[in-house]
Amino acid sequence: VHENIQRAQKRDAVNCEKFWMKSNLIDDDSAYEELTL
């Protein structure tokens, strides 16, 4: 989450950055990975 905070502030982060997040948002056991917004 802290890594994501740093990435979120970068110029045009929506299009240029990836963020750590669960790959399947409705599965409690889902692994996390880097995803685009």
Full PDB file with SEQRES, HELIX, SHEET, SSBOND, CRYST1, ORIGX, SCALE, CONECT and MASTER records, all heavy atoms in Angstrom:
SEQRES   1 A   37  VAL HIS GLU ASN ILE GLN ARG ALA GLN LYS ARG ASP ALA          
SEQRES   2 A   37  VAL ASN CYS GLU LYS PHE TRP MET LYS SER ASN LEU ILE          
SEQRES   3 A   37  ASP ASP ASP SER ALA TYR GLU GLU LEU THR LEU                  
HELIX    1 AA1 HIS A    2  ALA A    8  1                                   7    
HELIX    2 AA2 ALA A   13  CYS A   16  1                                   4    
SHEET    1 AA1 2 LYS A  18  LYS A  22  0                                        
SHEET    2 AA1 2 TYR A  32  THR A  36 -1                                        
CRYST1    1.000    1.000    1.000  90.00  90.00  90.00 P 1           1          
ORIGX1      1.000000  0.000000  0.000000        0.00000                         
ORIGX2      0.000000  1.000000  0.000000        0.00000                         
ORIGX3      0.000000  0.000000  1.000000        0.00000                         
SCALE1      1.000000  0.000000  0.000000        0.00000                         
SCALE2      0.000000  1.000000  0.000000        0.00000                         
SCALE3      0.000000  0.000000  1.000000        0.00000                         
ATOM      1  N   VAL A   1       0.849  -1.198   0.000  1.00  0.00           N  
ATOM      2  CA  VAL A   1       0.000   0.000   0.000  1.00  0.00           C  
ATOM      3  C   VAL A   1       0.881   1.244   0.000  1.00  0.00           C  
ATOM      4  O   VAL A   1       0.612   2.214  -0.716  1.00  0.00           O  
ATOM      5  CB  VAL A   1      -0.948   0.002   1.215  1.00  0.00           C  
ATOM      6  CG1 VAL A   1      -1.760   1.287   1.265  1.00  0.00           C  
ATOM      7  CG2 VAL A   1      -1.872  -1.204   1.178  1.00  0.00           C  
ATOM      8  N   HIS A   2       1.953   1.224   0.785  1.00  0.00           N  
ATOM      9  CA  HIS A   2       2.877   2.358   0.820  1.00  0.00           C  
ATOM     10  C   HIS A   2       3.552   2.558  -0.540  1.00  0.00           C  
ATOM     11  O   HIS A   2       3.751   3.704  -0.979  1.00  0.00           O  
ATOM     12  CB  HIS A   2       3.928   2.140   1.907  1.00  0.00           C  
ATOM     13  CG  HIS A   2       3.379   2.285   3.294  1.00  0.00           C  
ATOM     14  ND1 HIS A   2       4.170   2.497   4.405  1.00  0.00           N  
ATOM     15  CD2 HIS A   2       2.108   2.256   3.764  1.00  0.00           C  
ATOM     16  CE1 HIS A   2       3.408   2.593   5.479  1.00  0.00           C  
ATOM     17  NE2 HIS A   2       2.156   2.431   5.110  1.00  0.00           N  
ATOM     18  N   GLU A   3       3.907   1.470  -1.196  1.00  0.00           N  
ATOM     19  CA  GLU A   3       4.459   1.587  -2.559  1.00  0.00           C  
ATOM     20  C   GLU A   3       3.434   2.228  -3.490  1.00  0.00           C  
ATOM     21  O   GLU A   3       3.764   3.076  -4.320  1.00  0.00           O  
ATOM     22  CB  GLU A   3       4.853   0.208  -3.092  1.00  0.00           C  
ATOM     23  CG  GLU A   3       6.154  -0.347  -2.544  1.00  0.00           C  
ATOM     24  CD  GLU A   3       6.548  -1.631  -3.242  1.00  0.00           C  
ATOM     25  OE1 GLU A   3       6.436  -1.691  -4.491  1.00  0.00           O  
ATOM     26  OE2 GLU A   3       6.957  -2.587  -2.544  1.00  0.00           O  
ATOM     27  N   ASN A   4       2.187   1.804  -3.354  1.00  0.00           N  
ATOM     28  CA  ASN A   4       1.123   2.360  -4.194  1.00  0.00           C  
ATOM     29  C   ASN A   4       0.950   3.862  -3.967  1.00  0.00           C  
ATOM     30  O   ASN A   4       0.679   4.613  -4.910  1.00  0.00           O  
ATOM     31  CB  ASN A   4      -0.198   1.648  -3.917  1.00  0.00           C  
ATOM     32  CG  ASN A   4      -0.255   0.248  -4.503  1.00  0.00           C  
ATOM     33  OD1 ASN A   4       0.602  -0.133  -5.304  1.00  0.00           O  
ATOM     34  ND2 ASN A   4      -1.250  -0.517  -4.118  1.00  0.00           N  
ATOM     35  N   ILE A   5       1.106   4.305  -2.714  1.00  0.00           N  
ATOM     36  CA  ILE A   5       0.990   5.738  -2.399  1.00  0.00           C  
ATOM     37  C   ILE A   5       2.036   6.530  -3.177  1.00  0.00           C  
ATOM     38  O   ILE A   5       1.747   7.595  -3.739  1.00  0.00           O  
ATOM     39  CB  ILE A   5       1.157   5.985  -0.886  1.00  0.00           C  
ATOM     40  CG1 ILE A   5      -0.064   5.458  -0.112  1.00  0.00           C  
ATOM     41  CG2 ILE A   5       1.400   7.457  -0.592  1.00  0.00           C  
ATOM     42  CD1 ILE A   5      -1.274   6.355  -0.155  1.00  0.00           C  
ATOM     43  N   GLN A   6       3.252   6.024  -3.225  1.00  0.00           N  
ATOM     44  CA  GLN A   6       4.313   6.724  -3.962  1.00  0.00           C  
ATOM     45  C   GLN A   6       4.025   6.733  -5.459  1.00  0.00           C  
ATOM     46  O   GLN A   6       4.237   7.744  -6.140  1.00  0.00           O  
ATOM     47  CB  GLN A   6       5.663   6.065  -3.676  1.00  0.00           C  
ATOM     48  CG  GLN A   6       6.113   6.168  -2.222  1.00  0.00           C  
ATOM     49  CD  GLN A   6       6.137   7.600  -1.712  1.00  0.00           C  
ATOM     50  OE1 GLN A   6       6.658   8.500  -2.372  1.00  0.00           O  
ATOM     51  NE2 GLN A   6       5.561   7.822  -0.533  1.00  0.00           N  
ATOM     52  N   ARG A   7       3.523   5.654  -5.988  1.00  0.00           N  
ATOM     53  CA  ARG A   7       3.229   5.582  -7.417  1.00  0.00           C  
ATOM     54  C   ARG A   7       2.049   6.478  -7.793  1.00  0.00           C  
ATOM     55  O   ARG A   7       2.019   7.058  -8.872  1.00  0.00           O  
ATOM     56  CB  ARG A   7       2.928   4.129  -7.815  1.00  0.00           C  
ATOM     57  CG  ARG A   7       4.107   3.184  -7.613  1.00  0.00           C  
ATOM     58  CD  ARG A   7       3.749   1.762  -7.984  1.00  0.00           C  
ATOM     59  NE  ARG A   7       4.837   0.828  -7.676  1.00  0.00           N  
ATOM     60  CZ  ARG A   7       4.854  -0.445  -8.016  1.00  0.00           C  
ATOM     61  NH1 ARG A   7       3.808  -0.965  -8.674  1.00  0.00           N  
ATOM     62  NH2 ARG A   7       5.874  -1.220  -7.715  1.00  0.00           N  
ATOM     63  N   ALA A   8       1.082   6.579  -6.898  1.00  0.00           N  
ATOM     64  CA  ALA A   8      -0.135   7.338  -7.197  1.00  0.00           C  
ATOM     65  C   ALA A   8       0.140   8.813  -7.428  1.00  0.00           C  
ATOM     66  O   ALA A   8      -0.614   9.490  -8.135  1.00  0.00           O  
ATOM     67  CB  ALA A   8      -1.138   7.177  -6.055  1.00  0.00           C  
ATOM     68  N   GLN A   9       1.211   9.331  -6.848  1.00  0.00           N  
ATOM     69  CA  GLN A   9       1.508  10.760  -6.943  1.00  0.00           C  
ATOM     70  C   GLN A   9       2.249  11.134  -8.222  1.00  0.00           C  
ATOM     71  O   GLN A   9       2.360  12.311  -8.555  1.00  0.00           O  
ATOM     72  CB  GLN A   9       2.362  11.188  -5.750  1.00  0.00           C  
ATOM     73  CG  GLN A   9       1.712  10.920  -4.408  1.00  0.00           C  
ATOM     74  CD  GLN A   9       2.638  11.246  -3.272  1.00  0.00           C  
ATOM     75  OE1 GLN A   9       2.953  12.404  -3.012  1.00  0.00           O  
ATOM     76  NE2 GLN A   9       3.107  10.220  -2.581  1.00  0.00           N  
ATOM     77  N   LYS A  10       2.752  10.139  -8.935  1.00  0.00           N  
ATOM     78  CA  LYS A  10       3.588  10.425 -10.100  1.00  0.00           C  
ATOM     79  C   LYS A  10       2.764  11.019 -11.231  1.00  0.00           C  
ATOM     80  O   LYS A  10       1.550  10.846 -11.321  1.00  0.00           O  
ATOM     81  CB  LYS A  10       4.292   9.149 -10.560  1.00  0.00           C  
ATOM     82  CG  LYS A  10       5.329   8.639  -9.553  1.00  0.00           C  
ATOM     83  CD  LYS A  10       6.045   7.419 -10.076  1.00  0.00           C  
ATOM     84  CE  LYS A  10       7.100   6.936  -9.079  1.00  0.00           C  
ATOM     85  NZ  LYS A  10       7.808   5.733  -9.568  1.00  0.00           N  
ATOM     86  N   ARG A  11       3.440  11.718 -12.102  1.00  0.00           N  
ATOM     87  CA  ARG A  11       2.773  12.376 -13.229  1.00  0.00           C  
ATOM     88  C   ARG A  11       2.045  11.351 -14.088  1.00  0.00           C  
ATOM     89  O   ARG A  11       2.611  10.368 -14.529  1.00  0.00           O  
ATOM     90  CB  ARG A  11       3.825  13.137 -14.052  1.00  0.00           C  
ATOM     91  CG  ARG A  11       3.312  13.796 -15.299  1.00  0.00           C  
ATOM     92  CD  ARG A  11       4.284  14.850 -15.805  1.00  0.00           C  
ATOM     93  NE  ARG A  11       5.657  14.378 -15.838  1.00  0.00           N  
ATOM     94  CZ  ARG A  11       6.242  13.821 -16.895  1.00  0.00           C  
ATOM     95  NH1 ARG A  11       5.545  13.623 -18.012  1.00  0.00           N  
ATOM     96  NH2 ARG A  11       7.506  13.453 -16.852  1.00  0.00           N  
ATOM     97  N   ASP A  12       0.750  11.611 -14.299  1.00  0.00           N  
ATOM     98  CA  ASP A  12      -0.121  10.761 -15.119  1.00  0.00           C  
ATOM     99  C   ASP A  12      -0.076   9.302 -14.665  1.00  0.00           C  
ATOM    100  O   ASP A  12       0.027   8.376 -15.473  1.00  0.00           O  
ATOM    101  CB  ASP A  12       0.273  10.864 -16.600  1.00  0.00           C  
ATOM    102  CG  ASP A  12      -0.869  10.448 -17.525  1.00  0.00           C  
ATOM    103  OD1 ASP A  12      -2.034  10.454 -17.079  1.00  0.00           O  
ATOM    104  OD2 ASP A  12      -0.597  10.111 -18.690  1.00  0.00           O  
ATOM    105  N   ALA A  13      -0.172   9.114 -13.353  1.00  0.00           N  
ATOM    106  CA  ALA A  13      -0.098   7.762 -12.785  1.00  0.00           C  
ATOM    107  C   ALA A  13      -1.199   6.853 -13.316  1.00  0.00           C  
ATOM    108  O   ALA A  13      -1.002   5.639 -13.447  1.00  0.00           O  
ATOM    109  CB  ALA A  13      -0.163   7.835 -11.266  1.00  0.00           C  
ATOM    110  N   VAL A  14      -2.359   7.424 -13.639  1.00  0.00           N  
ATOM    111  CA  VAL A  14      -3.479   6.617 -14.137  1.00  0.00           C  
ATOM    112  C   VAL A  14      -3.055   5.815 -15.367  1.00  0.00           C  
ATOM    113  O   VAL A  14      -3.395   4.630 -15.501  1.00  0.00           O  
ATOM    114  CB  VAL A  14      -4.683   7.514 -14.480  1.00  0.00           C  
ATOM    115  CG1 VAL A  14      -5.729   6.728 -15.251  1.00  0.00           C  
ATOM    116  CG2 VAL A  14      -5.298   8.081 -13.208  1.00  0.00           C  
ATOM    117  N   ASN A  15      -2.299   6.440 -16.251  1.00  0.00           N  
ATOM    118  CA  ASN A  15      -1.930   5.788 -17.502  1.00  0.00           C  
ATOM    119  C   ASN A  15      -0.534   5.173 -17.482  1.00  0.00           C  
ATOM    120  O   ASN A  15      -0.239   4.312 -18.315  1.00  0.00           O  
ATOM    121  CB  ASN A  15      -2.000   6.801 -18.652  1.00  0.00           C  
ATOM    122  CG  ASN A  15      -3.403   7.323 -18.887  1.00  0.00           C  
ATOM    123  OD1 ASN A  15      -4.328   6.545 -19.094  1.00  0.00           O  
ATOM    124  ND2 ASN A  15      -3.575   8.629 -18.843  1.00  0.00           N  
ATOM    125  N   CYS A  16       0.307   5.602 -16.551  1.00  0.00           N  
ATOM    126  CA  CYS A  16       1.714   5.208 -16.612  1.00  0.00           C  
ATOM    127  C   CYS A  16       2.169   4.265 -15.505  1.00  0.00           C  
ATOM    128  O   CYS A  16       3.278   3.724 -15.586  1.00  0.00           O  
ATOM    129  CB  CYS A  16       2.599   6.463 -16.588  1.00  0.00           C  
ATOM    130  SG  CYS A  16       2.305   7.604 -17.952  1.00  0.00           S  
ATOM    131  N   GLU A  17       1.360   4.076 -14.476  1.00  0.00           N  
ATOM    132  CA  GLU A  17       1.788   3.272 -13.332  1.00  0.00           C  
ATOM    133  C   GLU A  17       0.931   2.028 -13.165  1.00  0.00           C  
ATOM    134  O   GLU A  17      -0.199   1.962 -13.653  1.00  0.00           O  
ATOM    135  CB  GLU A  17       1.719   4.107 -12.047  1.00  0.00           C  
ATOM    136  CG  GLU A  17       2.656   5.299 -12.018  1.00  0.00           C  
ATOM    137  CD  GLU A  17       4.125   4.902 -12.027  1.00  0.00           C  
ATOM    138  OE1 GLU A  17       4.467   3.895 -11.378  1.00  0.00           O  
ATOM    139  OE2 GLU A  17       4.924   5.605 -12.679  1.00  0.00           O  
ATOM    140  N   LYS A  18       1.496   1.062 -12.463  1.00  0.00           N  
ATOM    141  CA  LYS A  18       0.747  -0.110 -12.017  1.00  0.00           C  
ATOM    142  C   LYS A  18       0.725  -0.115 -10.493  1.00  0.00           C  
ATOM    143  O   LYS A  18       1.608   0.445  -9.840  1.00  0.00           O  
ATOM    144  CB  LYS A  18       1.370  -1.404 -12.542  1.00  0.00           C  
ATOM    145  CG  LYS A  18       1.158  -1.617 -14.036  1.00  0.00           C  
ATOM    146  CD  LYS A  18       1.600  -3.013 -14.461  1.00  0.00           C  
ATOM    147  CE  LYS A  18       1.252  -3.276 -15.920  1.00  0.00           C  
ATOM    148  NZ  LYS A  18       1.605  -4.652 -16.331  1.00  0.00           N  
ATOM    149  N   PHE A  19      -0.295  -0.773  -9.937  1.00  0.00           N  
ATOM    150  CA  PHE A  19      -0.507  -0.759  -8.499  1.00  0.00           C  
ATOM    151  C   PHE A  19      -0.714  -2.181  -7.993  1.00  0.00           C  
ATOM    152  O   PHE A  19      -1.349  -3.007  -8.656  1.00  0.00           O  
ATOM    153  CB  PHE A  19      -1.731   0.100  -8.151  1.00  0.00           C  
ATOM    154  CG  PHE A  19      -1.594   1.538  -8.548  1.00  0.00           C  
ATOM    155  CD1 PHE A  19      -1.909   1.946  -9.842  1.00  0.00           C  
ATOM    156  CD2 PHE A  19      -1.133   2.474  -7.641  1.00  0.00           C  
ATOM    157  CE1 PHE A  19      -1.774   3.275 -10.212  1.00  0.00           C  
ATOM    158  CE2 PHE A  19      -0.996   3.798  -8.003  1.00  0.00           C  
ATOM    159  CZ  PHE A  19      -1.315   4.209  -9.285  1.00  0.00           C  
ATOM    160  N   TRP A  20      -0.182  -2.443  -6.801  1.00  0.00           N  
ATOM    161  CA  TRP A  20      -0.398  -3.747  -6.177  1.00  0.00           C  
ATOM    162  C   TRP A  20      -1.855  -3.870  -5.739  1.00  0.00           C  
ATOM    163  O   TRP A  20      -2.387  -2.989  -5.084  1.00  0.00           O  
ATOM    164  CB  TRP A  20       0.516  -3.914  -4.963  1.00  0.00           C  
ATOM    165  CG  TRP A  20       1.973  -3.954  -5.289  1.00  0.00           C  
ATOM    166  CD1 TRP A  20       2.892  -2.964  -5.135  1.00  0.00           C  
ATOM    167  CD2 TRP A  20       2.684  -5.071  -5.836  1.00  0.00           C  
ATOM    168  NE1 TRP A  20       4.123  -3.384  -5.555  1.00  0.00           N  
ATOM    169  CE2 TRP A  20       4.034  -4.673  -5.991  1.00  0.00           C  
ATOM    170  CE3 TRP A  20       2.320  -6.366  -6.220  1.00  0.00           C  
ATOM    171  CZ2 TRP A  20       5.009  -5.522  -6.495  1.00  0.00           C  
ATOM    172  CZ3 TRP A  20       3.296  -7.210  -6.727  1.00  0.00           C  
ATOM    173  CH2 TRP A  20       4.612  -6.790  -6.858  1.00  0.00           C  
ATOM    174  N   MET A  21      -2.481  -4.968  -6.125  1.00  0.00           N  
ATOM    175  CA  MET A  21      -3.888  -5.193  -5.771  1.00  0.00           C  
ATOM    176  C   MET A  21      -4.194  -6.669  -5.973  1.00  0.00           C  
ATOM    177  O   MET A  21      -3.531  -7.349  -6.758  1.00  0.00           O  
ATOM    178  CB  MET A  21      -4.809  -4.332  -6.634  1.00  0.00           C  
ATOM    179  CG  MET A  21      -6.286  -4.413  -6.283  1.00  0.00           C  
ATOM    180  SD  MET A  21      -6.700  -3.817  -4.638  1.00  0.00           S  
ATOM    181  CE  MET A  21      -6.439  -2.046  -4.841  1.00  0.00           C  
ATOM    182  N   LYS A  22      -5.193  -7.164  -5.248  1.00  0.00           N  
ATOM    183  CA  LYS A  22      -5.626  -8.542  -5.482  1.00  0.00           C  
ATOM    184  C   LYS A  22      -6.104  -8.694  -6.917  1.00  0.00           C  
ATOM    185  O   LYS A  22      -6.844  -7.841  -7.426  1.00  0.00           O  
ATOM    186  CB  LYS A  22      -6.752  -8.918  -4.516  1.00  0.00           C  
ATOM    187  CG  LYS A  22      -6.270  -9.287  -3.120  1.00  0.00           C  
ATOM    188  CD  LYS A  22      -7.412  -9.861  -2.306  1.00  0.00           C  
ATOM    189  CE  LYS A  22      -6.906 -10.420  -0.977  1.00  0.00           C  
ATOM    190  NZ  LYS A  22      -8.012 -11.025  -0.200  1.00  0.00           N  
ATOM    191  N   SER A  23      -5.707  -9.769  -7.562  1.00  0.00           N  
ATOM    192  CA  SER A  23      -6.099  -9.967  -8.958  1.00  0.00           C  
ATOM    193  C   SER A  23      -7.581 -10.295  -9.079  1.00  0.00           C  
ATOM    194  O   SER A  23      -8.213  -9.985 -10.086  1.00  0.00           O  
ATOM    195  CB  SER A  23      -5.262 -11.089  -9.591  1.00  0.00           C  
ATOM    196  OG  SER A  23      -5.379 -12.281  -8.842  1.00  0.00           O  
ATOM    197  N   ASN A  24      -8.155 -10.916  -8.046  1.00  0.00           N  
ATOM    198  CA  ASN A  24      -9.584 -11.211  -8.024  1.00  0.00           C  
ATOM    199  C   ASN A  24     -10.183 -10.567  -6.778  1.00  0.00           C  
ATOM    200  O   ASN A  24      -9.971 -11.039  -5.659  1.00  0.00           O  
ATOM    201  CB  ASN A  24      -9.832 -12.721  -8.023  1.00  0.00           C  
ATOM    202  CG  ASN A  24     -11.286 -13.071  -8.254  1.00  0.00           C  
ATOM    203  OD1 ASN A  24     -12.181 -12.341  -7.829  1.00  0.00           O  
ATOM    204  ND2 ASN A  24     -11.539 -14.177  -8.925  1.00  0.00           N  
ATOM    205  N   LEU A  25     -10.938  -9.502  -6.961  1.00  0.00           N  
ATOM    206  CA  LEU A  25     -11.406  -8.692  -5.841  1.00  0.00           C  
ATOM    207  C   LEU A  25     -12.480  -9.373  -5.006  1.00  0.00           C  
ATOM    208  O   LEU A  25     -12.730  -8.968  -3.865  1.00  0.00           O  
ATOM    209  CB  LEU A  25     -11.934  -7.350  -6.363  1.00  0.00           C  
ATOM    210  CG  LEU A  25     -10.892  -6.475  -7.065  1.00  0.00           C  
ATOM    211  CD1 LEU A  25     -11.568  -5.269  -7.702  1.00  0.00           C  
ATOM    212  CD2 LEU A  25      -9.815  -6.021  -6.098  1.00  0.00           C  
ATOM    213  N   ILE A  26     -13.127 -10.377  -5.547  1.00  0.00           N  
ATOM    214  CA  ILE A  26     -14.205 -11.029  -4.793  1.00  0.00           C  
ATOM    215  C   ILE A  26     -13.779 -12.389  -4.242  1.00  0.00           C  
ATOM    216  O   ILE A  26     -14.588 -13.123  -3.693  1.00  0.00           O  
ATOM    217  CB  ILE A  26     -15.465 -11.190  -5.671  1.00  0.00           C  
ATOM    218  CG1 ILE A  26     -15.159 -11.997  -6.932  1.00  0.00           C  
ATOM    219  CG2 ILE A  26     -16.035  -9.838  -6.036  1.00  0.00           C  
ATOM    220  CD1 ILE A  26     -16.395 -12.255  -7.781  1.00  0.00           C  
ATOM    221  N   ASP A  27     -12.504 -12.710  -4.362  1.00  0.00           N  
ATOM    222  CA  ASP A  27     -11.969 -13.970  -3.848  1.00  0.00           C  
ATOM    223  C   ASP A  27     -11.007 -13.654  -2.707  1.00  0.00           C  
ATOM    224  O   ASP A  27      -9.948 -13.062  -2.921  1.00  0.00           O  
ATOM    225  CB  ASP A  27     -11.248 -14.728  -4.963  1.00  0.00           C  
ATOM    226  CG  ASP A  27     -10.703 -16.073  -4.485  1.00  0.00           C  
ATOM    227  OD1 ASP A  27     -10.885 -16.408  -3.303  1.00  0.00           O  
ATOM    228  OD2 ASP A  27     -10.072 -16.773  -5.299  1.00  0.00           O  
ATOM    229  N   ASP A  28     -11.381 -14.030  -1.483  1.00  0.00           N  
ATOM    230  CA  ASP A  28     -10.545 -13.731  -0.317  1.00  0.00           C  
ATOM    231  C   ASP A  28      -9.145 -14.319  -0.435  1.00  0.00           C  
ATOM    232  O   ASP A  28      -8.185 -13.782   0.118  1.00  0.00           O  
ATOM    233  CB  ASP A  28     -11.205 -14.266   0.958  1.00  0.00           C  
ATOM    234  CG  ASP A  28     -12.363 -13.396   1.394  1.00  0.00           C  
ATOM    235  OD1 ASP A  28     -12.556 -12.321   0.785  1.00  0.00           O  
ATOM    236  OD2 ASP A  28     -13.078 -13.785   2.334  1.00  0.00           O  
ATOM    237  N   ASP A  29      -9.021 -15.438  -1.115  1.00  0.00           N  
ATOM    238  CA  ASP A  29      -7.742 -16.138  -1.196  1.00  0.00           C  
ATOM    239  C   ASP A  29      -6.922 -15.758  -2.427  1.00  0.00           C  
ATOM    240  O   ASP A  29      -5.881 -16.356  -2.707  1.00  0.00           O  
ATOM    241  CB  ASP A  29      -7.971 -17.655  -1.193  1.00  0.00           C  
ATOM    242  CG  ASP A  29      -8.649 -18.114   0.081  1.00  0.00           C  
ATOM    243  OD1 ASP A  29      -8.323 -17.573   1.154  1.00  0.00           O  
ATOM    244  OD2 ASP A  29      -9.513 -18.999   0.008  1.00  0.00           O  
ATOM    245  N   SER A  30      -7.402 -14.770  -3.169  1.00  0.00           N  
ATOM    246  CA  SER A  30      -6.707 -14.373  -4.387  1.00  0.00           C  
ATOM    247  C   SER A  30      -5.338 -13.779  -4.063  1.00  0.00           C  
ATOM    248  O   SER A  30      -5.165 -13.070  -3.072  1.00  0.00           O  
ATOM    249  CB  SER A  30      -7.542 -13.351  -5.162  1.00  0.00           C  
ATOM    250  OG  SER A  30      -6.822 -12.841  -6.262  1.00  0.00           O  
ATOM    251  N   ALA A  31      -4.357 -14.074  -4.910  1.00  0.00           N  
ATOM    252  CA  ALA A  31      -3.034 -13.484  -4.766  1.00  0.00           C  
ATOM    253  C   ALA A  31      -3.078 -12.037  -5.249  1.00  0.00           C  
ATOM    254  O   ALA A  31      -4.007 -11.620  -5.935  1.00  0.00           O  
ATOM    255  CB  ALA A  31      -2.017 -14.281  -5.580  1.00  0.00           C  
ATOM    256  N   TYR A  32      -2.071 -11.271  -4.858  1.00  0.00           N  
ATOM    257  CA  TYR A  32      -2.001  -9.892  -5.327  1.00  0.00           C  
ATOM    258  C   TYR A  32      -0.926  -9.775  -6.405  1.00  0.00           C  
ATOM    259  O   TYR A  32       0.028 -10.553  -6.451  1.00  0.00           O  
ATOM    260  CB  TYR A  32      -1.733  -8.921  -4.176  1.00  0.00           C  
ATOM    261  CG  TYR A  32      -0.442  -9.165  -3.423  1.00  0.00           C  
ATOM    262  CD1 TYR A  32       0.744  -8.534  -3.812  1.00  0.00           C  
ATOM    263  CD2 TYR A  32      -0.394 -10.007  -2.312  1.00  0.00           C  
ATOM    264  CE1 TYR A  32       1.922  -8.747  -3.122  1.00  0.00           C  
ATOM    265  CE2 TYR A  32       0.782 -10.228  -1.618  1.00  0.00           C  
ATOM    266  CZ  TYR A  32       1.936  -9.584  -2.025  1.00  0.00           C  
ATOM    267  OH  TYR A  32       3.113  -9.805  -1.343  1.00  0.00           O  
ATOM    268  N   GLU A  33      -1.103  -8.811  -7.270  1.00  0.00           N  
ATOM    269  CA  GLU A  33      -0.163  -8.583  -8.355  1.00  0.00           C  
ATOM    270  C   GLU A  33      -0.217  -7.119  -8.766  1.00  0.00           C  
ATOM    271  O   GLU A  33      -1.018  -6.342  -8.237  1.00  0.00           O  
ATOM    272  CB  GLU A  33      -0.497  -9.477  -9.550  1.00  0.00           C  
ATOM    273  CG  GLU A  33      -1.900  -9.235 -10.118  1.00  0.00           C  
ATOM    274  CD  GLU A  33      -2.194 -10.098 -11.332  1.00  0.00           C  
ATOM    275  OE1 GLU A  33      -1.323 -10.155 -12.220  1.00  0.00           O  
ATOM    276  OE2 GLU A  33      -3.290 -10.687 -11.387  1.00  0.00           O  
ATOM    277  N   GLU A  34       0.641  -6.731  -9.682  1.00  0.00           N  
ATOM    278  CA  GLU A  34       0.634  -5.367 -10.180  1.00  0.00           C  
ATOM    279  C   GLU A  34      -0.388  -5.245 -11.307  1.00  0.00           C  
ATOM    280  O   GLU A  34      -0.319  -5.968 -12.299  1.00  0.00           O  
ATOM    281  CB  GLU A  34       2.025  -4.969 -10.672  1.00  0.00           C  
ATOM    282  CG  GLU A  34       3.039  -4.828  -9.551  1.00  0.00           C  
ATOM    283  CD  GLU A  34       4.416  -4.457 -10.063  1.00  0.00           C  
ATOM    284  OE1 GLU A  34       5.020  -5.304 -10.754  1.00  0.00           O  
ATOM    285  OE2 GLU A  34       4.892  -3.340  -9.797  1.00  0.00           O  
ATOM    286  N   LEU A  35      -1.322  -4.319 -11.132  1.00  0.00           N  
ATOM    287  CA  LEU A  35      -2.386  -4.115 -12.105  1.00  0.00           C  
ATOM    288  C   LEU A  35      -2.455  -2.639 -12.487  1.00  0.00           C  
ATOM    289  O   LEU A  35      -2.085  -1.764 -11.708  1.00  0.00           O  
ATOM    290  CB  LEU A  35      -3.735  -4.527 -11.516  1.00  0.00           C  
ATOM    291  CG  LEU A  35      -3.888  -5.994 -11.073  1.00  0.00           C  
ATOM    292  CD1 LEU A  35      -5.203  -6.168 -10.322  1.00  0.00           C  
ATOM    293  CD2 LEU A  35      -3.828  -6.922 -12.272  1.00  0.00           C  
ATOM    294  N   THR A  36      -2.952  -2.374 -13.676  1.00  0.00           N  
ATOM    295  CA  THR A  36      -3.218  -0.991 -14.061  1.00  0.00           C  
ATOM    296  C   THR A  36      -4.475  -0.515 -13.354  1.00  0.00           C  
ATOM    297  O   THR A  36      -5.295  -1.325 -12.883  1.00  0.00           O  
ATOM    298  CB  THR A  36      -3.400  -0.868 -15.576  1.00  0.00           C  
ATOM    299  OG1 THR A  36      -4.597  -1.575 -15.956  1.00  0.00           O  
ATOM    300  CG2 THR A  36      -2.209  -1.439 -16.333  1.00  0.00           C  
ATOM    301  N   LEU A  37      -4.648   0.796 -13.293  1.00  0.00           N  
ATOM    302  CA  LEU A  37      -5.876   1.319 -12.711  1.00  0.00           C  
ATOM    303  C   LEU A  37      -7.090   0.896 -13.524  1.00  0.00           C  
ATOM    304  O   LEU A  37      -8.172   0.681 -12.974  1.00  0.00           O  
ATOM    305  CB  LEU A  37      -5.807   2.843 -12.631  1.00  0.00           C  
ATOM    306  CG  LEU A  37      -5.259   3.408 -11.316  1.00  0.00           C  
ATOM    307  CD1 LEU A  37      -5.151   4.910 -11.377  1.00  0.00           C  
ATOM    308  CD2 LEU A  37      -6.160   3.009 -10.155  1.00  0.00           C  
TER     309      LEU A  37                                                      
MASTER        0    0    0    2    2    0    0    6  308    1    0    3          
END                                                                             
